[in-house]
Amino acid sequence: MASLDPQNSHEPVVVFTTSSAGEMEVAKSMLQAGDIPFITRGEGNHDPYGGAGNLLMDIRVEPRDVEFAQEILKELDKADPGAERSTPLRRDIRRIAIMVVIALLISLAPILWFTLFK
């Protein structure tokens, strides 16, 4: 994997964000094929099964490579135009919904227990 020059004083720029490990690997392969150095963030912290703990991962490139990287990664969007990208808002809504369901189950469990096993 290519890596950014640590001596470069410019901050890396996010050019791709996803919660899908598959999309992340494809994007990394595309940038490697274009010989664009990059770094990733969040890659080792995701839930491979897509559960509530799924975190966003991103790819960052040097500022001078941003336009070329975005042009290459456009092809990824063209390959599957109907694919939904996970956004922080969608992720948060999914987590809240899961927490509400768990809270309801916990609060209703004693009522169901005593109703069924009187």
N, C-alpha and C. Protein backbone atom coordinates (compact mmCIF):
# COMPACT_ATOMS: atom_id res chain seq x y z
N MET A 1 0.85 -1.18 0.00
CA MET A 1 0.00 0.00 0.00
C MET A 1 0.89 1.23 0.00
N ALA A 2 0.52 2.20 -0.80
CA ALA A 2 1.24 3.46 -0.83
C ALA A 2 0.94 4.23 0.45
N SER A 3 1.88 5.03 0.88
CA SER A 3 1.64 5.82 2.08
C SER A 3 2.03 7.26 1.83
N LEU A 4 1.48 8.14 2.62
CA LEU A 4 1.77 9.56 2.47
C LEU A 4 3.17 9.88 2.99
N ASP A 5 3.73 10.92 2.45
CA ASP A 5 5.04 11.40 2.90
C ASP A 5 4.89 12.05 4.27
N PRO A 6 5.48 11.49 5.33
CA PRO A 6 5.30 12.05 6.67
C PRO A 6 5.93 13.43 6.83
N GLN A 7 6.85 13.79 5.93
CA GLN A 7 7.51 15.09 6.00
C GLN A 7 6.65 16.20 5.39
N ASN A 8 5.62 15.81 4.67
CA ASN A 8 4.75 16.80 4.02
C ASN A 8 3.94 17.52 5.09
N SER A 9 3.96 18.84 5.08
CA SER A 9 3.28 19.61 6.11
C SER A 9 1.79 19.81 5.81
N HIS A 10 1.35 19.41 4.64
CA HIS A 10 -0.06 19.58 4.28
C HIS A 10 -0.90 18.48 4.89
N GLU A 11 -2.08 18.85 5.37
CA GLU A 11 -3.00 17.87 5.96
C GLU A 11 -3.61 17.01 4.85
N PRO A 12 -3.71 15.70 5.07
CA PRO A 12 -4.39 14.84 4.09
C PRO A 12 -5.87 15.22 3.97
N VAL A 13 -6.42 15.03 2.79
CA VAL A 13 -7.80 15.39 2.50
C VAL A 13 -8.62 14.12 2.29
N VAL A 14 -9.80 14.08 2.91
CA VAL A 14 -10.69 12.92 2.76
C VAL A 14 -11.30 12.95 1.36
N VAL A 15 -11.12 11.84 0.62
CA VAL A 15 -11.69 11.75 -0.73
C VAL A 15 -12.73 10.64 -0.84
N PHE A 16 -12.82 9.79 0.18
CA PHE A 16 -13.77 8.68 0.11
C PHE A 16 -14.14 8.26 1.52
N THR A 17 -15.44 8.06 1.76
CA THR A 17 -15.94 7.62 3.06
C THR A 17 -16.99 6.53 2.83
N THR A 18 -16.91 5.48 3.63
CA THR A 18 -17.87 4.39 3.53
C THR A 18 -17.92 3.61 4.84
N SER A 19 -18.94 2.81 4.99
CA SER A 19 -18.99 1.89 6.12
C SER A 19 -18.86 0.45 5.63
N SER A 20 -18.69 0.30 4.33
CA SER A 20 -18.59 -1.02 3.72
C SER A 20 -17.12 -1.41 3.51
N ALA A 21 -16.73 -2.53 4.11
CA ALA A 21 -15.36 -3.01 3.94
C ALA A 21 -15.08 -3.36 2.48
N GLY A 22 -16.07 -3.86 1.78
CA GLY A 22 -15.90 -4.20 0.36
C GLY A 22 -15.64 -2.97 -0.49
N GLU A 23 -16.44 -1.93 -0.27
CA GLU A 23 -16.23 -0.68 -1.01
C GLU A 23 -14.87 -0.09 -0.69
N MET A 24 -14.46 -0.21 0.56
CA MET A 24 -13.16 0.33 0.97
C MET A 24 -12.04 -0.36 0.21
N GLU A 25 -12.11 -1.68 0.11
CA GLU A 25 -11.06 -2.43 -0.59
C GLU A 25 -11.02 -2.07 -2.07
N VAL A 26 -12.20 -1.91 -2.69
CA VAL A 26 -12.25 -1.54 -4.10
C VAL A 26 -11.65 -0.15 -4.31
N ALA A 27 -12.01 0.79 -3.45
CA ALA A 27 -11.49 2.16 -3.57
C ALA A 27 -9.97 2.17 -3.40
N LYS A 28 -9.47 1.41 -2.42
CA LYS A 28 -8.02 1.35 -2.21
C LYS A 28 -7.32 0.76 -3.44
N SER A 29 -7.91 -0.28 -4.02
CA SER A 29 -7.32 -0.89 -5.22
C SER A 29 -7.28 0.09 -6.37
N MET A 30 -8.34 0.88 -6.52
CA MET A 30 -8.39 1.86 -7.60
C MET A 30 -7.30 2.92 -7.42
N LEU A 31 -7.12 3.38 -6.19
CA LEU A 31 -6.08 4.39 -5.95
C LEU A 31 -4.68 3.80 -6.12
N GLN A 32 -4.50 2.56 -5.71
CA GLN A 32 -3.20 1.90 -5.91
C GLN A 32 -2.89 1.76 -7.39
N ALA A 33 -3.92 1.40 -8.18
CA ALA A 33 -3.72 1.27 -9.62
C ALA A 33 -3.36 2.61 -10.25
N GLY A 34 -3.89 3.70 -9.68
CA GLY A 34 -3.56 5.03 -10.17
C GLY A 34 -2.28 5.58 -9.57
N ASP A 35 -1.60 4.76 -8.75
CA ASP A 35 -0.34 5.14 -8.11
C ASP A 35 -0.49 6.42 -7.27
N ILE A 36 -1.61 6.50 -6.53
CA ILE A 36 -1.86 7.64 -5.66
C ILE A 36 -1.60 7.22 -4.22
N PRO A 37 -0.67 7.88 -3.54
CA PRO A 37 -0.43 7.54 -2.13
C PRO A 37 -1.62 7.96 -1.27
N PHE A 38 -1.96 7.13 -0.30
CA PHE A 38 -3.12 7.42 0.55
C PHE A 38 -2.92 6.83 1.92
N ILE A 39 -3.75 7.29 2.85
CA ILE A 39 -3.83 6.68 4.18
C ILE A 39 -5.30 6.41 4.45
N THR A 40 -5.55 5.46 5.35
CA THR A 40 -6.93 5.15 5.71
C THR A 40 -7.14 5.44 7.18
N ARG A 41 -8.39 5.68 7.53
CA ARG A 41 -8.77 5.90 8.93
C ARG A 41 -10.00 5.08 9.22
N GLY A 42 -10.01 4.40 10.37
CA GLY A 42 -11.18 3.64 10.80
C GLY A 42 -11.29 2.26 10.20
N GLU A 43 -10.32 1.86 9.42
CA GLU A 43 -10.43 0.60 8.69
C GLU A 43 -10.47 -0.62 9.59
N GLY A 44 -9.73 -0.64 10.68
CA GLY A 44 -9.70 -1.80 11.55
C GLY A 44 -10.78 -1.80 12.61
N ASN A 45 -11.62 -0.77 12.64
CA ASN A 45 -12.60 -0.62 13.71
C ASN A 45 -14.03 -0.91 13.29
N HIS A 46 -14.25 -1.43 12.11
CA HIS A 46 -15.63 -1.64 11.66
C HIS A 46 -16.12 -3.03 12.02
N ASP A 47 -17.43 -3.17 12.01
CA ASP A 47 -18.08 -4.46 12.25
C ASP A 47 -18.24 -5.13 10.89
N PRO A 48 -17.54 -6.24 10.61
CA PRO A 48 -17.61 -6.85 9.29
C PRO A 48 -18.99 -7.39 8.94
N TYR A 49 -19.87 -7.51 9.94
CA TYR A 49 -21.21 -8.02 9.68
C TYR A 49 -22.24 -6.92 9.52
N GLY A 50 -21.81 -5.65 9.54
CA GLY A 50 -22.70 -4.53 9.29
C GLY A 50 -23.65 -4.24 10.42
N GLY A 51 -23.30 -4.59 11.64
CA GLY A 51 -24.18 -4.36 12.78
C GLY A 51 -24.17 -2.93 13.26
N ALA A 52 -24.77 -2.72 14.41
CA ALA A 52 -24.92 -1.37 14.94
C ALA A 52 -23.59 -0.71 15.27
N GLY A 53 -22.54 -1.50 15.42
CA GLY A 53 -21.25 -0.93 15.75
C GLY A 53 -20.45 -0.49 14.53
N ASN A 54 -21.08 -0.55 13.37
CA ASN A 54 -20.40 -0.23 12.13
C ASN A 54 -19.95 1.23 12.11
N LEU A 55 -18.66 1.46 11.92
CA LEU A 55 -18.11 2.80 11.90
C LEU A 55 -17.71 3.18 10.49
N LEU A 56 -17.65 4.46 10.25
CA LEU A 56 -17.22 4.94 8.94
C LEU A 56 -15.71 4.84 8.81
N MET A 57 -15.30 4.51 7.61
CA MET A 57 -13.88 4.45 7.26
C MET A 57 -13.66 5.48 6.17
N ASP A 58 -12.46 6.04 6.12
CA ASP A 58 -12.21 6.97 5.03
C ASP A 58 -10.81 6.80 4.47
N ILE A 59 -10.65 7.35 3.27
CA ILE A 59 -9.36 7.37 2.58
C ILE A 59 -8.98 8.82 2.42
N ARG A 60 -7.71 9.12 2.73
CA ARG A 60 -7.20 10.48 2.63
C ARG A 60 -5.98 10.50 1.72
N VAL A 61 -5.89 11.57 0.95
CA VAL A 61 -4.75 11.74 0.04
C VAL A 61 -4.13 13.11 0.26
N GLU A 62 -2.94 13.30 -0.29
CA GLU A 62 -2.30 14.60 -0.21
C GLU A 62 -3.09 15.59 -1.05
N PRO A 63 -3.09 16.87 -0.65
CA PRO A 63 -3.87 17.88 -1.37
C PRO A 63 -3.59 17.91 -2.88
N ARG A 64 -2.36 17.68 -3.28
CA ARG A 64 -2.03 17.75 -4.71
C ARG A 64 -2.68 16.61 -5.51
N ASP A 65 -3.10 15.52 -4.82
CA ASP A 65 -3.68 14.37 -5.49
C ASP A 65 -5.20 14.30 -5.42
N VAL A 66 -5.83 15.29 -4.78
CA VAL A 66 -7.27 15.23 -4.54
C VAL A 66 -8.07 15.11 -5.84
N GLU A 67 -7.82 15.97 -6.81
CA GLU A 67 -8.62 15.97 -8.06
C GLU A 67 -8.48 14.64 -8.79
N PHE A 68 -7.26 14.14 -8.90
CA PHE A 68 -7.03 12.87 -9.61
C PHE A 68 -7.71 11.72 -8.86
N ALA A 69 -7.59 11.70 -7.54
CA ALA A 69 -8.22 10.64 -6.74
C ALA A 69 -9.74 10.68 -6.88
N GLN A 70 -10.33 11.87 -6.84
CA GLN A 70 -11.78 11.98 -6.99
C GLN A 70 -12.23 11.52 -8.37
N GLU A 71 -11.43 11.83 -9.38
CA GLU A 71 -11.76 11.40 -10.74
C GLU A 71 -11.74 9.87 -10.84
N ILE A 72 -10.73 9.26 -10.23
CA ILE A 72 -10.64 7.79 -10.24
C ILE A 72 -11.80 7.18 -9.47
N LEU A 73 -12.13 7.75 -8.31
CA LEU A 73 -13.18 7.17 -7.46
C LEU A 73 -14.58 7.42 -8.01
N LYS A 74 -14.73 8.34 -8.97
CA LYS A 74 -16.03 8.53 -9.63
C LYS A 74 -16.46 7.24 -10.31
N GLU A 75 -15.49 6.50 -10.80
CA GLU A 75 -15.78 5.23 -11.47
C GLU A 75 -16.46 4.26 -10.51
N LEU A 76 -16.14 4.33 -9.25
CA LEU A 76 -16.77 3.47 -8.25
C LEU A 76 -18.25 3.79 -8.14
N ASP A 77 -18.61 5.06 -8.16
CA ASP A 77 -20.02 5.45 -8.12
C ASP A 77 -20.75 5.04 -9.39
N LYS A 78 -20.08 5.12 -10.54
CA LYS A 78 -20.70 4.74 -11.80
C LYS A 78 -20.97 3.25 -11.86
N ALA A 79 -20.11 2.46 -11.18
CA ALA A 79 -20.27 1.00 -11.21
C ALA A 79 -21.55 0.56 -10.53
N ASP A 80 -21.99 1.28 -9.50
CA ASP A 80 -23.21 0.94 -8.78
C ASP A 80 -23.94 2.22 -8.37
N PRO A 81 -24.61 2.87 -9.34
CA PRO A 81 -25.23 4.16 -9.05
C PRO A 81 -26.37 4.07 -8.03
N GLY A 82 -26.95 2.91 -7.84
CA GLY A 82 -28.05 2.77 -6.89
C GLY A 82 -27.58 2.49 -5.48
N ALA A 83 -26.30 2.32 -5.29
CA ALA A 83 -25.79 1.98 -3.96
C ALA A 83 -25.92 3.17 -3.02
N GLU A 84 -26.41 2.89 -1.83
CA GLU A 84 -26.54 3.95 -0.82
C GLU A 84 -25.28 4.04 -0.01
N ARG A 85 -24.81 5.23 0.18
CA ARG A 85 -23.65 5.46 1.03
C ARG A 85 -24.14 5.63 2.46
N SER A 86 -23.43 5.05 3.38
CA SER A 86 -23.75 5.25 4.78
C SER A 86 -23.25 6.62 5.20
N THR A 87 -24.11 7.39 5.81
CA THR A 87 -23.72 8.71 6.29
C THR A 87 -23.77 8.69 7.81
N PRO A 88 -23.11 9.63 8.45
CA PRO A 88 -23.18 9.67 9.91
C PRO A 88 -24.62 9.75 10.41
N LEU A 89 -25.49 10.50 9.71
CA LEU A 89 -26.88 10.62 10.13
C LEU A 89 -27.59 9.28 10.05
N ARG A 90 -27.42 8.55 8.95
CA ARG A 90 -28.05 7.23 8.82
C ARG A 90 -27.54 6.29 9.90
N ARG A 91 -26.25 6.32 10.15
CA ARG A 91 -25.66 5.45 11.17
C ARG A 91 -26.24 5.78 12.54
N ASP A 92 -26.35 7.08 12.86
CA ASP A 92 -26.89 7.48 14.16
C ASP A 92 -28.35 7.09 14.30
N ILE A 93 -29.13 7.25 13.25
CA ILE A 93 -30.55 6.88 13.29
C ILE A 93 -30.68 5.37 13.52
N ARG A 94 -29.84 4.59 12.86
CA ARG A 94 -29.89 3.13 13.03
C ARG A 94 -29.53 2.75 14.46
N ARG A 95 -28.52 3.39 15.02
CA ARG A 95 -28.14 3.11 16.41
C ARG A 95 -29.25 3.49 17.39
N ILE A 96 -29.87 4.63 17.18
CA ILE A 96 -30.95 5.07 18.07
C ILE A 96 -32.12 4.08 17.98
N ALA A 97 -32.46 3.65 16.78
CA ALA A 97 -33.57 2.71 16.61
C ALA A 97 -33.28 1.39 17.33
N ILE A 98 -32.07 0.92 17.25
CA ILE A 98 -31.70 -0.32 17.92
C ILE A 98 -31.76 -0.14 19.43
N MET A 99 -31.28 1.00 19.93
CA MET A 99 -31.33 1.25 21.37
C MET A 99 -32.77 1.34 21.87
N VAL A 100 -33.66 1.93 21.08
CA VAL A 100 -35.07 2.03 21.48
C VAL A 100 -35.69 0.64 21.56
N VAL A 101 -35.41 -0.20 20.57
CA VAL A 101 -35.96 -1.56 20.58
C VAL A 101 -35.43 -2.34 21.78
N ILE A 102 -34.15 -2.21 22.06
CA ILE A 102 -33.58 -2.92 23.22
C ILE A 102 -34.20 -2.42 24.52
N ALA A 103 -34.37 -1.10 24.65
CA ALA A 103 -34.98 -0.53 25.85
C ALA A 103 -36.42 -1.03 26.02
N LEU A 104 -37.16 -1.10 24.93
CA LEU A 104 -38.54 -1.62 25.00
C LEU A 104 -38.56 -3.08 25.42
N LEU A 105 -37.67 -3.86 24.86
CA LEU A 105 -37.63 -5.28 25.22
C LEU A 105 -37.27 -5.46 26.70
N ILE A 106 -36.32 -4.68 27.17
CA ILE A 106 -35.92 -4.78 28.58
C ILE A 106 -37.06 -4.35 29.50
N SER A 107 -37.76 -3.28 29.13
CA SER A 107 -38.84 -2.80 30.00
C SER A 107 -40.07 -3.70 29.94
N LEU A 108 -40.31 -4.36 28.82
CA LEU A 108 -41.47 -5.24 28.70
C LEU A 108 -41.21 -6.66 29.17
N ALA A 109 -39.96 -7.05 29.30
CA ALA A 109 -39.63 -8.42 29.68
C ALA A 109 -40.27 -8.83 31.00
N PRO A 110 -40.19 -8.03 32.09
CA PRO A 110 -40.83 -8.46 33.34
C PRO A 110 -42.35 -8.60 33.21
N ILE A 111 -42.97 -7.71 32.46
CA ILE A 111 -44.43 -7.77 32.28
C ILE A 111 -44.80 -9.06 31.55
N LEU A 112 -44.08 -9.36 30.48
CA LEU A 112 -44.35 -10.58 29.73
C LEU A 112 -44.08 -11.82 30.58
N TRP A 113 -43.01 -11.80 31.34
CA TRP A 113 -42.65 -12.94 32.19
C TRP A 113 -43.75 -13.25 33.19
N PHE A 114 -44.21 -12.20 33.89
CA PHE A 114 -45.24 -12.42 34.93
C PHE A 114 -46.60 -12.71 34.32
N THR A 115 -46.87 -12.22 33.13
CA THR A 115 -48.15 -12.51 32.46
C THR A 115 -48.18 -13.95 31.98
N LEU A 116 -47.09 -14.42 31.42
CA LEU A 116 -47.06 -15.76 30.87
C LEU A 116 -46.89 -16.84 31.91
N PHE A 117 -46.20 -16.55 32.99
CA PHE A 117 -45.88 -17.59 33.98
C PHE A 117 -46.50 -17.30 35.35
N LYS A 118 -47.73 -16.84 35.38
CA LYS A 118 -48.45 -16.58 36.63
C LYS A 118 -48.75 -17.85 37.35
